[in-house]
Amino acid sequence: MKRFNAKQLFVLPIGKYHDVNGLYLSIYSSGRGKWSFRYTINKKSREMGLGSFPDISLFDARQQALSNKQLLSKKIDPIDEKNRAQILRQHKIRNSPILLISISQKKRKMNGLILKANNNGEIQLLPTLVLTNF
């Protein structure tokens, strides 16, 4: 199928439509739908939600799909990267290798981050690319 233009999207019947670069639009009612990005990494097929249509424009959805394609070219899973960024935002980490926060668990691995507790109940949040046994 050829690329969509913005006007075509509002008259599409209910269904799922492919645009470019793994970008899909699922229409579930007249003029309403959701954007998704479909891809394969490590022999697994995945689908990532990008937002609702028309709240997210065709241009913005294409930009997100292109950005995700660039991550895939670096062997980075876009869903894992999105989750990692969300965790970092929640804990307000800004370019800091270590942050002490309170947590009850001793050790925990979360999306490429290691949480390691010290004796007074605080933990170190350590971003890592290669995880070893701990």
N, C-alpha and C. Protein backbone atom coordinates (compact mmCIF):
# COMPACT_ATOMS: atom_id res chain seq x y z
N MET A 1 0.84 -1.18 0.00
CA MET A 1 0.00 0.00 0.00
C MET A 1 0.89 1.24 0.00
N LYS A 2 0.43 2.28 -0.68
CA LYS A 2 1.20 3.53 -0.71
C LYS A 2 1.03 4.31 0.59
N ARG A 3 1.87 5.33 0.73
CA ARG A 3 1.83 6.16 1.94
C ARG A 3 0.50 6.92 2.02
N PHE A 4 0.04 7.10 3.25
CA PHE A 4 -1.18 7.86 3.48
C PHE A 4 -0.90 9.35 3.40
N ASN A 5 -1.96 10.11 3.17
CA ASN A 5 -1.90 11.55 3.46
C ASN A 5 -2.90 11.80 4.59
N ALA A 6 -2.77 12.92 5.26
CA ALA A 6 -3.55 13.18 6.47
C ALA A 6 -5.06 13.13 6.22
N LYS A 7 -5.52 13.59 5.07
CA LYS A 7 -6.96 13.62 4.79
C LYS A 7 -7.54 12.21 4.65
N GLN A 8 -6.77 11.29 4.08
CA GLN A 8 -7.26 9.93 3.87
C GLN A 8 -7.59 9.22 5.18
N LEU A 9 -6.86 9.55 6.22
CA LEU A 9 -7.00 8.83 7.49
C LEU A 9 -8.38 8.97 8.10
N PHE A 10 -9.03 10.09 7.88
CA PHE A 10 -10.34 10.35 8.50
C PHE A 10 -11.48 9.60 7.83
N VAL A 11 -11.26 9.06 6.65
CA VAL A 11 -12.33 8.36 5.93
C VAL A 11 -12.08 6.86 5.80
N LEU A 12 -11.04 6.36 6.45
CA LEU A 12 -10.76 4.93 6.38
C LEU A 12 -11.82 4.14 7.14
N PRO A 13 -12.24 2.99 6.58
CA PRO A 13 -13.16 2.13 7.32
C PRO A 13 -12.43 1.41 8.46
N ILE A 14 -13.19 0.80 9.35
CA ILE A 14 -12.60 0.06 10.47
C ILE A 14 -11.66 -1.01 9.94
N GLY A 15 -10.48 -1.10 10.54
CA GLY A 15 -9.48 -2.09 10.13
C GLY A 15 -8.09 -1.65 10.53
N LYS A 16 -7.09 -2.42 10.09
CA LYS A 16 -5.69 -2.13 10.41
C LYS A 16 -4.96 -1.84 9.10
N TYR A 17 -4.21 -0.74 9.09
CA TYR A 17 -3.57 -0.27 7.86
C TYR A 17 -2.09 0.00 8.09
N HIS A 18 -1.27 -0.45 7.13
CA HIS A 18 0.17 -0.24 7.19
C HIS A 18 0.52 1.03 6.42
N ASP A 19 1.40 1.84 6.97
CA ASP A 19 1.88 3.04 6.28
C ASP A 19 3.30 2.78 5.80
N VAL A 20 4.31 3.17 6.55
CA VAL A 20 5.71 2.94 6.20
C VAL A 20 6.51 2.66 7.46
N ASN A 21 7.69 2.06 7.30
CA ASN A 21 8.63 1.84 8.41
C ASN A 21 8.02 1.13 9.62
N GLY A 22 7.13 0.18 9.38
CA GLY A 22 6.53 -0.57 10.48
C GLY A 22 5.40 0.16 11.19
N LEU A 23 4.97 1.29 10.65
CA LEU A 23 3.90 2.09 11.25
C LEU A 23 2.53 1.55 10.82
N TYR A 24 1.66 1.33 11.80
CA TYR A 24 0.31 0.85 11.53
C TYR A 24 -0.71 1.77 12.20
N LEU A 25 -1.87 1.87 11.56
CA LEU A 25 -3.00 2.59 12.13
C LEU A 25 -4.17 1.62 12.22
N SER A 26 -4.68 1.42 13.42
CA SER A 26 -5.86 0.58 13.64
C SER A 26 -7.04 1.51 13.87
N ILE A 27 -7.99 1.48 12.94
CA ILE A 27 -9.20 2.29 13.06
C ILE A 27 -10.26 1.44 13.74
N TYR A 28 -10.82 1.94 14.86
CA TYR A 28 -11.85 1.18 15.57
C TYR A 28 -13.20 1.87 15.59
N SER A 29 -13.27 3.12 15.17
CA SER A 29 -14.55 3.80 14.95
C SER A 29 -14.28 4.94 13.98
N SER A 30 -15.30 5.54 13.48
CA SER A 30 -15.15 6.59 12.47
C SER A 30 -14.27 7.73 12.97
N GLY A 31 -13.13 7.91 12.32
CA GLY A 31 -12.23 9.00 12.66
C GLY A 31 -11.42 8.79 13.94
N ARG A 32 -11.46 7.60 14.53
CA ARG A 32 -10.73 7.31 15.78
C ARG A 32 -9.91 6.03 15.58
N GLY A 33 -8.76 5.99 16.22
CA GLY A 33 -7.94 4.79 16.12
C GLY A 33 -6.71 4.89 16.99
N LYS A 34 -5.75 4.01 16.72
CA LYS A 34 -4.50 4.04 17.47
C LYS A 34 -3.34 3.73 16.54
N TRP A 35 -2.22 4.37 16.82
CA TRP A 35 -0.98 4.14 16.08
C TRP A 35 -0.18 3.05 16.78
N SER A 36 0.48 2.22 15.99
CA SER A 36 1.39 1.24 16.58
C SER A 36 2.59 1.05 15.65
N PHE A 37 3.66 0.56 16.24
CA PHE A 37 4.89 0.28 15.51
C PHE A 37 5.18 -1.20 15.69
N ARG A 38 5.25 -1.94 14.57
CA ARG A 38 5.50 -3.38 14.62
C ARG A 38 6.91 -3.64 14.12
N TYR A 39 7.60 -4.55 14.81
CA TYR A 39 8.98 -4.85 14.44
C TYR A 39 9.37 -6.23 14.97
N THR A 40 10.51 -6.71 14.50
CA THR A 40 11.05 -7.97 14.96
C THR A 40 12.45 -7.72 15.50
N ILE A 41 12.72 -8.26 16.69
CA ILE A 41 14.06 -8.18 17.28
C ILE A 41 14.31 -9.50 18.00
N ASN A 42 15.52 -10.03 17.83
CA ASN A 42 15.90 -11.32 18.42
C ASN A 42 14.89 -12.41 18.08
N LYS A 43 14.45 -12.42 16.84
CA LYS A 43 13.49 -13.40 16.32
C LYS A 43 12.13 -13.36 17.01
N LYS A 44 11.82 -12.23 17.65
CA LYS A 44 10.51 -12.05 18.28
C LYS A 44 9.80 -10.87 17.63
N SER A 45 8.54 -11.09 17.32
CA SER A 45 7.71 -10.03 16.75
C SER A 45 7.10 -9.23 17.90
N ARG A 46 7.19 -7.90 17.83
CA ARG A 46 6.68 -7.04 18.91
C ARG A 46 5.86 -5.91 18.30
N GLU A 47 4.96 -5.37 19.12
CA GLU A 47 4.15 -4.22 18.70
C GLU A 47 4.15 -3.21 19.83
N MET A 48 4.44 -1.96 19.47
CA MET A 48 4.55 -0.87 20.45
C MET A 48 3.50 0.19 20.14
N GLY A 49 2.68 0.53 21.13
CA GLY A 49 1.70 1.59 20.94
C GLY A 49 2.36 2.95 20.88
N LEU A 50 1.90 3.80 19.96
CA LEU A 50 2.47 5.14 19.80
C LEU A 50 1.50 6.24 20.20
N GLY A 51 0.25 5.90 20.43
CA GLY A 51 -0.73 6.90 20.81
C GLY A 51 -1.99 6.79 19.98
N SER A 52 -2.97 7.61 20.33
CA SER A 52 -4.26 7.53 19.64
C SER A 52 -4.31 8.50 18.46
N PHE A 53 -5.12 8.12 17.49
CA PHE A 53 -5.41 8.96 16.34
C PHE A 53 -6.80 9.55 16.57
N PRO A 54 -7.01 10.83 16.40
CA PRO A 54 -6.17 11.84 15.77
C PRO A 54 -5.30 12.65 16.73
N ASP A 55 -5.20 12.28 18.01
CA ASP A 55 -4.37 13.04 18.95
C ASP A 55 -2.92 13.10 18.49
N ILE A 56 -2.41 12.00 17.95
CA ILE A 56 -1.07 11.94 17.37
C ILE A 56 -1.23 12.07 15.87
N SER A 57 -0.59 13.06 15.28
CA SER A 57 -0.72 13.30 13.84
C SER A 57 0.05 12.26 13.04
N LEU A 58 -0.25 12.17 11.76
CA LEU A 58 0.47 11.28 10.85
C LEU A 58 1.96 11.61 10.86
N PHE A 59 2.29 12.88 10.82
CA PHE A 59 3.70 13.31 10.83
C PHE A 59 4.40 12.84 12.10
N ASP A 60 3.78 13.07 13.25
CA ASP A 60 4.39 12.66 14.53
C ASP A 60 4.53 11.14 14.63
N ALA A 61 3.54 10.41 14.16
CA ALA A 61 3.61 8.94 14.19
C ALA A 61 4.75 8.45 13.31
N ARG A 62 4.90 9.06 12.13
CA ARG A 62 6.01 8.68 11.25
C ARG A 62 7.36 9.00 11.88
N GLN A 63 7.45 10.13 12.56
CA GLN A 63 8.70 10.51 13.24
C GLN A 63 9.04 9.48 14.32
N GLN A 64 8.04 9.07 15.09
CA GLN A 64 8.27 8.07 16.14
C GLN A 64 8.70 6.73 15.54
N ALA A 65 8.05 6.34 14.44
CA ALA A 65 8.42 5.08 13.77
C ALA A 65 9.85 5.15 13.25
N LEU A 66 10.23 6.27 12.67
CA LEU A 66 11.59 6.44 12.16
C LEU A 66 12.61 6.39 13.31
N SER A 67 12.29 7.04 14.40
CA SER A 67 13.16 7.02 15.58
C SER A 67 13.33 5.59 16.10
N ASN A 68 12.24 4.84 16.13
CA ASN A 68 12.30 3.45 16.58
C ASN A 68 13.12 2.59 15.62
N LYS A 69 13.01 2.84 14.31
CA LYS A 69 13.82 2.13 13.32
C LYS A 69 15.30 2.39 13.56
N GLN A 70 15.64 3.63 13.91
CA GLN A 70 17.04 3.96 14.19
C GLN A 70 17.55 3.22 15.42
N LEU A 71 16.71 3.09 16.44
CA LEU A 71 17.09 2.30 17.61
C LEU A 71 17.33 0.84 17.23
N LEU A 72 16.45 0.29 16.40
CA LEU A 72 16.60 -1.09 15.97
C LEU A 72 17.89 -1.30 15.18
N SER A 73 18.29 -0.31 14.40
CA SER A 73 19.54 -0.44 13.64
C SER A 73 20.75 -0.52 14.57
N LYS A 74 20.60 -0.04 15.81
CA LYS A 74 21.66 -0.12 16.83
C LYS A 74 21.45 -1.33 17.74
N LYS A 75 20.51 -2.23 17.35
CA LYS A 75 20.19 -3.42 18.14
C LYS A 75 19.59 -3.09 19.51
N ILE A 76 18.85 -1.99 19.59
CA ILE A 76 18.17 -1.58 20.83
C ILE A 76 16.67 -1.79 20.64
N ASP A 77 16.05 -2.49 21.58
CA ASP A 77 14.62 -2.73 21.53
C ASP A 77 13.89 -1.45 21.94
N PRO A 78 13.05 -0.88 21.05
CA PRO A 78 12.36 0.37 21.38
C PRO A 78 11.47 0.30 22.62
N ILE A 79 10.83 -0.84 22.86
CA ILE A 79 9.98 -0.97 24.04
C ILE A 79 10.83 -0.95 25.30
N ASP A 80 11.95 -1.67 25.29
CA ASP A 80 12.85 -1.66 26.45
C ASP A 80 13.41 -0.26 26.69
N GLU A 81 13.75 0.43 25.61
CA GLU A 81 14.29 1.79 25.74
C GLU A 81 13.24 2.74 26.31
N LYS A 82 11.99 2.59 25.87
CA LYS A 82 10.90 3.43 26.38
C LYS A 82 10.69 3.16 27.88
N ASN A 83 10.71 1.89 28.28
CA ASN A 83 10.55 1.53 29.69
C ASN A 83 11.70 2.06 30.52
N ARG A 84 12.92 1.95 30.00
CA ARG A 84 14.10 2.44 30.71
C ARG A 84 14.00 3.95 30.92
N ALA A 85 13.61 4.67 29.89
CA ALA A 85 13.47 6.12 29.98
C ALA A 85 12.39 6.50 30.99
N GLN A 86 11.31 5.74 31.03
CA GLN A 86 10.23 6.02 31.98
C GLN A 86 10.71 5.82 33.42
N ILE A 87 11.46 4.77 33.67
CA ILE A 87 12.00 4.53 35.01
C ILE A 87 12.92 5.68 35.41
N LEU A 88 13.77 6.10 34.50
CA LEU A 88 14.69 7.19 34.80
C LEU A 88 13.94 8.49 35.09
N ARG A 89 12.87 8.75 34.33
CA ARG A 89 12.05 9.95 34.58
C ARG A 89 11.37 9.88 35.93
N GLN A 90 10.85 8.72 36.28
CA GLN A 90 10.15 8.56 37.56
C GLN A 90 11.08 8.83 38.73
N HIS A 91 12.32 8.47 38.60
CA HIS A 91 13.28 8.66 39.68
C HIS A 91 14.14 9.91 39.49
N LYS A 92 13.78 10.70 38.49
CA LYS A 92 14.44 11.99 38.23
C LYS A 92 15.96 11.87 38.13
N ILE A 93 16.37 10.86 37.40
CA ILE A 93 17.81 10.69 37.17
C ILE A 93 18.16 11.47 35.91
N ARG A 94 19.12 12.31 36.01
CA ARG A 94 19.58 13.09 34.86
C ARG A 94 21.09 12.94 34.74
N ASN A 95 21.53 12.05 33.86
CA ASN A 95 22.95 11.84 33.58
C ASN A 95 23.77 11.55 34.83
N SER A 96 23.20 10.86 35.77
CA SER A 96 23.90 10.51 37.00
C SER A 96 24.10 9.00 37.04
N PRO A 97 25.33 8.53 37.26
CA PRO A 97 25.53 7.08 37.28
C PRO A 97 24.99 6.41 38.53
N ILE A 98 24.88 7.16 39.63
CA ILE A 98 24.42 6.57 40.89
C ILE A 98 23.42 7.51 41.56
N LEU A 99 22.35 6.94 42.07
CA LEU A 99 21.36 7.71 42.82
C LEU A 99 20.91 6.86 43.99
N LEU A 100 20.89 7.44 45.17
CA LEU A 100 20.42 6.70 46.34
C LEU A 100 18.96 7.01 46.57
N ILE A 101 18.14 5.96 46.65
CA ILE A 101 16.72 6.13 46.93
C ILE A 101 16.30 5.08 47.95
N SER A 102 15.20 5.32 48.62
CA SER A 102 14.72 4.35 49.61
C SER A 102 13.92 3.26 48.92
N ILE A 103 14.17 2.03 49.30
CA ILE A 103 13.42 0.90 48.77
C ILE A 103 13.59 -0.26 49.75
N SER A 104 12.61 -1.13 49.84
CA SER A 104 12.67 -2.20 50.83
C SER A 104 13.39 -3.44 50.30
N GLN A 105 13.49 -3.57 48.99
CA GLN A 105 14.10 -4.77 48.44
C GLN A 105 15.62 -4.68 48.50
N LYS A 106 16.26 -5.82 48.64
CA LYS A 106 17.72 -5.86 48.71
C LYS A 106 18.35 -5.64 47.33
N LYS A 107 17.96 -6.45 46.35
CA LYS A 107 18.52 -6.32 45.01
C LYS A 107 17.39 -6.53 44.01
N ARG A 108 17.46 -5.83 42.92
CA ARG A 108 16.43 -5.97 41.91
C ARG A 108 16.96 -5.52 40.56
N LYS A 109 16.58 -6.19 39.49
CA LYS A 109 16.97 -5.81 38.14
C LYS A 109 15.73 -5.27 37.44
N MET A 110 15.83 -4.06 36.88
CA MET A 110 14.69 -3.46 36.19
C MET A 110 15.16 -2.85 34.88
N ASN A 111 14.82 -3.48 33.76
CA ASN A 111 15.07 -2.91 32.44
C ASN A 111 16.48 -2.34 32.29
N GLY A 112 17.48 -3.15 32.58
CA GLY A 112 18.84 -2.70 32.40
C GLY A 112 19.38 -1.86 33.53
N LEU A 113 18.65 -1.79 34.63
CA LEU A 113 19.12 -1.05 35.80
C LEU A 113 19.27 -2.04 36.95
N ILE A 114 20.28 -1.88 37.75
CA ILE A 114 20.44 -2.72 38.93
C ILE A 114 20.14 -1.87 40.16
N LEU A 115 19.25 -2.36 41.00
CA LEU A 115 18.96 -1.71 42.26
C LEU A 115 19.61 -2.55 43.35
N LYS A 116 20.54 -1.96 44.09
CA LYS A 116 21.28 -2.70 45.10
C LYS A 116 21.17 -1.96 46.43
N ALA A 117 20.66 -2.65 47.45
CA ALA A 117 20.43 -2.02 48.75
C ALA A 117 21.71 -1.99 49.57
N ASN A 118 21.87 -0.90 50.34
CA ASN A 118 22.96 -0.87 51.33
C ASN A 118 22.35 -1.12 52.71
N ASN A 119 23.14 -1.05 53.77
CA ASN A 119 22.67 -1.43 55.11
C ASN A 119 21.59 -0.53 55.69
N ASN A 120 21.53 0.74 55.32
CA ASN A 120 20.52 1.62 55.91
C ASN A 120 19.26 1.75 55.06
N GLY A 121 18.98 0.77 54.21
CA GLY A 121 17.72 0.74 53.48
C GLY A 121 17.69 1.57 52.22
N GLU A 122 18.78 2.25 51.89
CA GLU A 122 18.83 2.99 50.63
C GLU A 122 19.43 2.08 49.57
N ILE A 123 19.15 2.42 48.33
CA ILE A 123 19.72 1.61 47.27
C ILE A 123 20.49 2.47 46.31
N GLN A 124 21.39 1.82 45.60
CA GLN A 124 22.08 2.47 44.50
C GLN A 124 21.37 2.03 43.23
N LEU A 125 21.06 2.98 42.38
CA LEU A 125 20.44 2.69 41.10
C LEU A 125 21.53 2.82 40.06
N LEU A 126 21.93 1.70 39.49
CA LEU A 126 23.08 1.68 38.59
C LEU A 126 22.65 1.31 37.18
N PRO A 127 22.66 2.26 36.23
CA PRO A 127 22.40 1.90 34.84
C PRO A 127 23.52 0.98 34.35
N THR A 128 23.16 -0.02 33.57
CA THR A 128 24.18 -0.94 33.08
C THR A 128 23.78 -1.49 31.73
N LEU A 129 24.75 -1.84 30.93
CA LEU A 129 24.49 -2.46 29.64
C LEU A 129 24.68 -3.97 29.73
N VAL A 130 25.68 -4.41 30.49
CA VAL A 130 25.95 -5.83 30.64
C VAL A 130 25.71 -6.19 32.10
N LEU A 131 24.78 -7.10 32.31
CA LEU A 131 24.47 -7.52 33.67
C LEU A 131 25.20 -8.82 33.98
N THR A 132 25.77 -8.91 35.16
CA THR A 132 26.42 -10.14 35.59
C THR A 132 25.57 -10.77 36.68
N ASN A 133 25.91 -11.96 37.09
CA ASN A 133 25.19 -12.61 38.19
C ASN A 133 25.40 -11.83 39.46
N PHE A 134 24.31 -11.60 40.19
CA PHE A 134 24.42 -10.87 41.45
C PHE A 134 23.54 -11.49 42.49
